[in-house]
Amino acid sequence: MRRRIPSLNALKAFEAAGRLGLMKLAAEELCVTHGAVSRQVKQLENWLGVALFAGPKHAPTLTEAGYRLLPALTCAFDQVDLAVRQIADTDEGTLDVSCPGTFTMRWLIPRLHHFNAHHPRVEVA
């Protein structure tokens, strides 16, 4: 049976915005722009056919539908996080880094010793 679920990015954007209370904070957590979070939440609202947030853009509040959806998504993402950590979390192995030379010389290399001090069993290649 095929699952009928909306975009995972849209679900993540809504969950972060609902949990943190602001689209701006959700954007910071997800490393995207405020506009990207707003568009994803709007896409989810369109897919569901209900509003998840109400009120002014600078201080949105969850609607009844938003309050009902948020705890289920938070729990589901917590379970995914736990499952992934049980399989992939390790302080050992090789970290393969690829980036432009200027970035490597000016930003990465000067900070690499801090990473090595905190993760001595990870080889950076």
C-alpha atoms as a PDB file:
ATOM      1  CA  MET A   1       0.000   0.000   0.000  1.00  0.00           C
ATOM      2  CA  ARG A   2       1.396   3.374  -0.995  1.00  0.00           C
ATOM      3  CA  ARG A   3       1.630   5.972   1.765  1.00  0.00           C
ATOM      4  CA  ARG A   4      -0.164   9.240   1.178  1.00  0.00           C
ATOM      5  CA  ILE A   5       2.003  11.838   2.923  1.00  0.00           C
ATOM      6  CA  PRO A   6       2.994  15.375   1.988  1.00  0.00           C
ATOM      7  CA  SER A   7       6.546  16.575   1.370  1.00  0.00           C
ATOM      8  CA  LEU A   8       8.905  15.672   4.218  1.00  0.00           C
ATOM      9  CA  ASN A   9      10.540  19.093   3.846  1.00  0.00           C
ATOM     10  CA  ALA A  10       7.163  20.728   4.355  1.00  0.00           C
ATOM     11  CA  LEU A  11       6.496  18.550   7.405  1.00  0.00           C
ATOM     12  CA  LYS A  12       9.959  19.380   8.831  1.00  0.00           C
ATOM     13  CA  ALA A  13       9.421  23.102   8.246  1.00  0.00           C
ATOM     14  CA  PHE A  14       6.036  23.069   9.982  1.00  0.00           C
ATOM     15  CA  GLU A  15       7.288  20.955  12.887  1.00  0.00           C
ATOM     16  CA  ALA A  16      10.268  23.238  13.515  1.00  0.00           C
ATOM     17  CA  ALA A  17       8.172  26.418  13.206  1.00  0.00           C
ATOM     18  CA  GLY A  18       5.461  25.035  15.478  1.00  0.00           C
ATOM     19  CA  ARG A  19       7.906  23.739  18.078  1.00  0.00           C
ATOM     20  CA  LEU A  20      10.041  26.889  18.101  1.00  0.00           C
ATOM     21  CA  GLY A  21       7.162  29.337  17.714  1.00  0.00           C
ATOM     22  CA  LEU A  22       8.719  31.422  14.932  1.00  0.00           C
ATOM     23  CA  MET A  23       9.443  30.830  11.259  1.00  0.00           C
ATOM     24  CA  LYS A  24      12.732  32.703  11.722  1.00  0.00           C
ATOM     25  CA  LEU A  25      13.924  30.244  14.391  1.00  0.00           C
ATOM     26  CA  ALA A  26      12.813  27.304  12.278  1.00  0.00           C
ATOM     27  CA  ALA A  27      14.793  28.727   9.351  1.00  0.00           C
ATOM     28  CA  GLU A  28      17.912  28.993  11.516  1.00  0.00           C
ATOM     29  CA  GLU A  29      17.525  25.413  12.778  1.00  0.00           C
ATOM     30  CA  LEU A  30      16.965  24.027   9.278  1.00  0.00           C
ATOM     31  CA  CYS A  31      19.686  26.202   7.685  1.00  0.00           C
ATOM     32  CA  VAL A  32      17.306  27.726   5.163  1.00  0.00           C
ATOM     33  CA  THR A  33      15.748  31.150   4.680  1.00  0.00           C
ATOM     34  CA  HIS A  34      12.661  32.419   6.479  1.00  0.00           C
ATOM     35  CA  GLY A  35      10.936  32.543   3.089  1.00  0.00           C
ATOM     36  CA  ALA A  36      11.731  28.884   2.427  1.00  0.00           C
ATOM     37  CA  VAL A  37      10.095  27.851   5.705  1.00  0.00           C
ATOM     38  CA  SER A  38       7.058  30.023   4.969  1.00  0.00           C
ATOM     39  CA  ARG A  39       6.702  28.511   1.479  1.00  0.00           C
ATOM     40  CA  GLN A  40       7.012  24.950   2.824  1.00  0.00           C
ATOM     41  CA  VAL A  41       4.390  25.606   5.516  1.00  0.00           C
ATOM     42  CA  LYS A  42       2.080  27.182   2.920  1.00  0.00           C
ATOM     43  CA  GLN A  43       2.605  24.147   0.656  1.00  0.00           C
ATOM     44  CA  LEU A  44       1.664  21.842   3.557  1.00  0.00           C
ATOM     45  CA  GLU A  45      -1.413  23.922   4.358  1.00  0.00           C
ATOM     46  CA  ASN A  46      -2.483  23.741   0.707  1.00  0.00           C
ATOM     47  CA  TRP A  47      -1.898  19.981   0.630  1.00  0.00           C
ATOM     48  CA  LEU A  48      -3.911  19.466   3.821  1.00  0.00           C
ATOM     49  CA  GLY A  49      -6.582  22.007   2.938  1.00  0.00           C
ATOM     50  CA  VAL A  50      -6.405  23.650   6.383  1.00  0.00           C
ATOM     51  CA  ALA A  51      -4.521  26.523   7.963  1.00  0.00           C
ATOM     52  CA  LEU A  52      -1.869  25.488  10.490  1.00  0.00           C
ATOM     53  CA  PHE A  53      -0.936  29.003  11.630  1.00  0.00           C
ATOM     54  CA  ALA A  54      -3.030  32.125  12.209  1.00  0.00           C
ATOM     55  CA  GLY A  55      -2.316  35.685  13.225  1.00  0.00           C
ATOM     56  CA  PRO A  56       0.272  38.206  12.097  1.00  0.00           C
ATOM     57  CA  LYS A  57       3.354  37.069  10.228  1.00  0.00           C
ATOM     58  CA  HIS A  58       5.689  38.345  12.953  1.00  0.00           C
ATOM     59  CA  ALA A  59       3.844  36.407  15.681  1.00  0.00           C
ATOM     60  CA  PRO A  60       1.934  33.445  14.237  1.00  0.00           C
ATOM     61  CA  THR A  61       0.013  31.080  16.478  1.00  0.00           C
ATOM     62  CA  LEU A  62      -0.971  27.491  15.836  1.00  0.00           C
ATOM     63  CA  THR A  63      -4.533  26.814  14.764  1.00  0.00           C
ATOM     64  CA  GLU A  64      -6.466  23.877  16.225  1.00  0.00           C
ATOM     65  CA  ALA A  65      -5.289  21.746  13.294  1.00  0.00           C
ATOM     66  CA  GLY A  66      -1.706  22.854  13.930  1.00  0.00           C
ATOM     67  CA  TYR A  67      -1.979  21.916  17.616  1.00  0.00           C
ATOM     68  CA  ARG A  68      -3.254  18.474  16.641  1.00  0.00           C
ATOM     69  CA  LEU A  69      -0.565  17.822  14.018  1.00  0.00           C
ATOM     70  CA  LEU A  70       2.502  19.170  15.855  1.00  0.00           C
ATOM     71  CA  PRO A  71       2.922  16.548  18.632  1.00  0.00           C
ATOM     72  CA  ALA A  72       2.542  13.651  16.206  1.00  0.00           C
ATOM     73  CA  LEU A  73       5.202  15.081  13.895  1.00  0.00           C
ATOM     74  CA  THR A  74       7.562  15.870  16.761  1.00  0.00           C
ATOM     75  CA  CYS A  75       7.245  12.312  18.024  1.00  0.00           C
ATOM     76  CA  ALA A  76       7.749  10.865  14.531  1.00  0.00           C
ATOM     77  CA  PHE A  77      10.869  12.964  13.861  1.00  0.00           C
ATOM     78  CA  ASP A  78      12.241  12.044  17.306  1.00  0.00           C
ATOM     79  CA  GLN A  79      11.797   8.361  16.427  1.00  0.00           C
ATOM     80  CA  VAL A  80      13.540   8.822  13.065  1.00  0.00           C
ATOM     81  CA  ASP A  81      16.391  10.682  14.784  1.00  0.00           C
ATOM     82  CA  LEU A  82      16.807   7.908  17.345  1.00  0.00           C
ATOM     83  CA  ALA A  83      16.751   5.159  14.703  1.00  0.00           C
ATOM     84  CA  VAL A  84      19.348   6.945  12.570  1.00  0.00           C
ATOM     85  CA  ARG A  85      21.604   7.625  15.565  1.00  0.00           C
ATOM     86  CA  GLN A  86      21.502   3.957  16.588  1.00  0.00           C
ATOM     87  CA  ILE A  87      22.776   2.975  13.165  1.00  0.00           C
ATOM     88  CA  ALA A  88      25.053   5.840  12.153  1.00  0.00           C
ATOM     89  CA  ASP A  89      26.287   7.605  15.284  1.00  0.00           C
ATOM     90  CA  THR A  90      29.931   6.957  15.821  1.00  0.00           C
ATOM     91  CA  ASP A  91      33.005   8.881  16.872  1.00  0.00           C
ATOM     92  CA  GLU A  92      35.149   6.789  14.555  1.00  0.00           C
ATOM     93  CA  GLY A  93      35.742   6.618  10.838  1.00  0.00           C
ATOM     94  CA  THR A  94      36.766   8.866   8.022  1.00  0.00           C
ATOM     95  CA  LEU A  95      35.184  12.212   7.269  1.00  0.00           C
ATOM     96  CA  ASP A  96      35.664  12.998   3.579  1.00  0.00           C
ATOM     97  CA  VAL A  97      35.639  16.770   3.049  1.00  0.00           C
ATOM     98  CA  SER A  98      35.471  18.404  -0.369  1.00  0.00           C
ATOM     99  CA  CYS A  99      35.315  22.175  -0.760  1.00  0.00           C
ATOM    100  CA  PRO A 100      36.829  25.008  -2.799  1.00  0.00           C
ATOM    101  CA  GLY A 101      40.507  25.750  -2.168  1.00  0.00           C
ATOM    102  CA  THR A 102      39.983  29.308  -0.954  1.00  0.00           C
ATOM    103  CA  PHE A 103      37.408  28.175   1.594  1.00  0.00           C
ATOM    104  CA  THR A 104      39.712  25.350   2.705  1.00  0.00           C
ATOM    105  CA  MET A 105      42.686  27.661   3.218  1.00  0.00           C
ATOM    106  CA  ARG A 106      40.875  30.619   4.779  1.00  0.00           C
ATOM    107  CA  TRP A 107      38.206  28.961   6.901  1.00  0.00           C
ATOM    108  CA  LEU A 108      38.525  25.176   7.220  1.00  0.00           C
ATOM    109  CA  ILE A 109      42.217  24.641   7.929  1.00  0.00           C
ATOM    110  CA  PRO A 110      42.421  27.318  10.674  1.00  0.00           C
ATOM    111  CA  ARG A 111      39.523  25.602  12.485  1.00  0.00           C
ATOM    112  CA  LEU A 112      40.403  21.978  11.838  1.00  0.00           C
ATOM    113  CA  HIS A 113      42.447  21.600  15.004  1.00  0.00           C
ATOM    114  CA  HIS A 114      39.326  22.359  17.098  1.00  0.00           C
ATOM    115  CA  PHE A 115      37.445  19.563  15.341  1.00  0.00           C
ATOM    116  CA  ASN A 116      40.370  17.163  15.803  1.00  0.00           C
ATOM    117  CA  ALA A 117      40.562  18.027  19.509  1.00  0.00           C
ATOM    118  CA  HIS A 118      36.852  17.191  19.989  1.00  0.00           C
ATOM    119  CA  HIS A 119      36.818  14.148  17.679  1.00  0.00           C
ATOM    120  CA  PRO A 120      40.246  12.503  17.870  1.00  0.00           C
ATOM    121  CA  ARG A 121      39.042   9.176  16.465  1.00  0.00           C
ATOM    122  CA  VAL A 122      37.715  10.741  13.246  1.00  0.00           C
ATOM    123  CA  GLU A 123      40.163  10.929  10.363  1.00  0.00           C
ATOM    124  CA  VAL A 124      39.593  13.934   8.086  1.00  0.00           C
ATOM    125  CA  ALA A 125      40.411  13.192   4.453  1.00  0.00           C
END
